Amino acid sequence: MGTYALTTPARGGTVIAGAAVSTSDTIPRSVLGNRGVNLEIINGNAATNTVTISDDSTTAEGAPAASISATIAPSTNQAFKVLPQQANPTTGNVTITNSVTTTVTYKLTPRG
C-alpha cells in the first residue's frame, strides 16, 4: 500500500511523470484540501485495469454514496475528480484499488 503524492503545477508549466500504483493505495485527507484533487490513472498494461475509488460521503437523500468503479482499457488513461467528503471519517483517507499494477501509473494534481 502506498500514499499518492500531490504535484502542484507551476504557472509556467510542470512536467509530471506518472508514479507507480499498487493494488491498494490511499490519498490522505490533508492532500485533498478544500476543493479535492484530480487523479489520472494511466494504464500502460496489456490488460484492462479496474480502478475502484472509495467514497464515504452521502447522497442528497442521506444514503451512503457508492464507490466509484471504472475499467481502463490497455494503453489508455482516465481522470477522476476526488473530493474531500469522500475521505473515510475514521482513517481520513480515500482508498484506490487497481486490478493490475505493472506499467500502471498515476498523476495527482489539485483542483483549481
Protein backbone atom coordinates (compact mmCIF):
# COMPACT_ATOMS: atom_id res chain seq x y z
CA MET A 1 0.00 0.00 0.00
CA GLY A 2 1.25 3.43 -0.90
CA THR A 3 0.21 7.01 -0.43
CA TYR A 4 -0.31 9.07 -3.56
CA ALA A 5 1.80 12.23 -3.74
CA LEU A 6 0.36 15.50 -4.95
CA THR A 7 2.10 17.56 -7.65
CA THR A 8 1.14 21.21 -7.87
CA PRO A 9 1.72 22.56 -11.37
CA ALA A 10 3.66 25.81 -11.66
CA ARG A 11 2.23 28.73 -13.59
CA GLY A 12 4.91 28.27 -16.24
CA GLY A 13 4.22 24.56 -16.54
CA THR A 14 5.36 21.42 -14.74
CA VAL A 15 6.37 18.08 -16.21
CA ILE A 16 4.55 15.42 -14.23
CA ALA A 17 5.94 11.93 -14.56
CA GLY A 18 3.49 9.21 -13.61
CA ALA A 19 4.26 7.36 -10.37
CA ALA A 20 3.70 3.64 -9.84
CA VAL A 21 0.46 2.36 -8.30
CA SER A 22 -0.04 -0.70 -6.12
CA THR A 23 -3.10 -2.88 -5.60
CA SER A 24 -4.31 -0.65 -2.75
CA ASP A 25 -3.23 2.97 -2.24
CA THR A 26 -4.53 5.99 -0.37
CA ILE A 27 -4.97 9.72 -0.75
CA PRO A 28 -4.86 11.37 2.69
CA ARG A 29 -7.47 13.98 3.64
CA SER A 30 -4.65 16.50 4.14
CA VAL A 31 -3.83 16.32 0.41
CA LEU A 32 -7.45 16.78 -0.68
CA GLY A 33 -7.66 20.37 0.61
CA ASN A 34 -10.98 22.18 0.30
CA ARG A 35 -11.58 21.51 -3.40
CA GLY A 36 -10.25 17.99 -3.88
CA VAL A 37 -7.82 16.63 -6.44
CA ASN A 38 -7.70 15.35 -10.00
CA LEU A 39 -6.48 11.76 -10.19
CA GLU A 40 -5.33 10.43 -13.54
CA ILE A 41 -4.69 6.69 -13.92
CA ILE A 42 -2.54 5.74 -16.91
CA ASN A 43 -2.84 2.10 -17.96
CA GLY A 44 0.31 1.08 -19.80
CA ASN A 45 -0.52 -2.58 -19.20
CA ALA A 46 -1.74 -5.04 -21.85
CA ALA A 47 -4.70 -5.92 -19.60
CA THR A 48 -7.72 -3.87 -18.60
CA ASN A 49 -7.31 -2.20 -15.20
CA THR A 50 -10.33 -1.98 -12.92
CA VAL A 51 -9.99 1.01 -10.61
CA THR A 52 -12.14 1.48 -7.52
CA ILE A 53 -12.15 4.73 -5.53
CA SER A 54 -13.77 4.69 -2.10
CA ASP A 55 -16.48 7.23 -1.30
CA ASP A 56 -17.56 7.74 2.31
CA SER A 57 -19.79 10.70 1.50
CA THR A 58 -23.59 10.62 1.48
CA THR A 59 -26.11 11.34 -1.25
CA ALA A 60 -28.50 14.29 -1.14
CA GLU A 61 -31.04 11.90 0.40
CA GLY A 62 -28.60 10.95 3.18
CA ALA A 63 -27.80 7.47 1.87
CA PRO A 64 -24.21 6.24 1.66
CA ALA A 65 -22.59 7.05 -1.67
CA ALA A 66 -21.34 4.22 -3.86
CA SER A 67 -17.65 3.73 -4.54
CA ILE A 68 -16.50 4.81 -7.98
CA SER A 69 -15.52 1.91 -10.23
CA ALA A 70 -14.16 2.18 -13.75
CA THR A 71 -12.41 -0.07 -16.24
CA ILE A 72 -9.48 1.45 -18.07
CA ALA A 73 -8.60 -0.22 -21.35
CA PRO A 74 -4.98 -1.07 -22.17
CA SER A 75 -2.84 1.88 -23.31
CA THR A 76 -5.42 4.47 -22.24
CA ASN A 77 -5.88 6.77 -19.28
CA GLN A 78 -8.79 8.12 -17.29
CA ALA A 79 -9.11 11.12 -14.97
CA PHE A 80 -11.23 11.27 -11.83
CA LYS A 81 -12.38 14.07 -9.55
CA VAL A 82 -11.78 13.10 -5.89
CA LEU A 83 -13.47 15.33 -3.32
CA PRO A 84 -12.67 15.87 0.39
CA GLN A 85 -16.02 14.48 1.52
CA GLN A 86 -15.07 11.10 0.04
CA ALA A 87 -12.45 10.58 2.78
CA ASN A 88 -13.20 8.00 5.44
CA PRO A 89 -14.06 9.88 8.66
CA THR A 90 -12.06 7.42 10.79
CA THR A 91 -8.89 7.00 8.72
CA GLY A 92 -9.03 10.31 6.84
CA ASN A 93 -8.15 8.51 3.61
CA VAL A 94 -9.67 7.82 0.22
CA THR A 95 -8.65 4.32 -0.91
CA ILE A 96 -7.83 3.49 -4.53
CA THR A 97 -7.51 -0.11 -5.71
CA ASN A 98 -6.14 -1.32 -9.05
CA SER A 99 -6.67 -4.79 -10.53
CA VAL A 100 -3.34 -4.62 -12.40
CA THR A 101 -0.26 -2.65 -11.40
CA THR A 102 2.58 -3.42 -13.79
CA THR A 103 3.13 -0.36 -16.01
CA VAL A 104 0.13 1.41 -14.43
CA THR A 105 0.90 4.89 -13.10
CA TYR A 106 -0.94 7.86 -11.63
CA LYS A 107 -0.77 11.65 -11.62
CA LEU A 108 -2.37 13.63 -8.80
CA THR A 109 -2.94 17.38 -9.07
CA PRO A 110 -5.01 19.84 -7.04
CA ARG A 111 -8.36 21.02 -8.38
CA GLY A 112 -8.13 24.70 -9.22
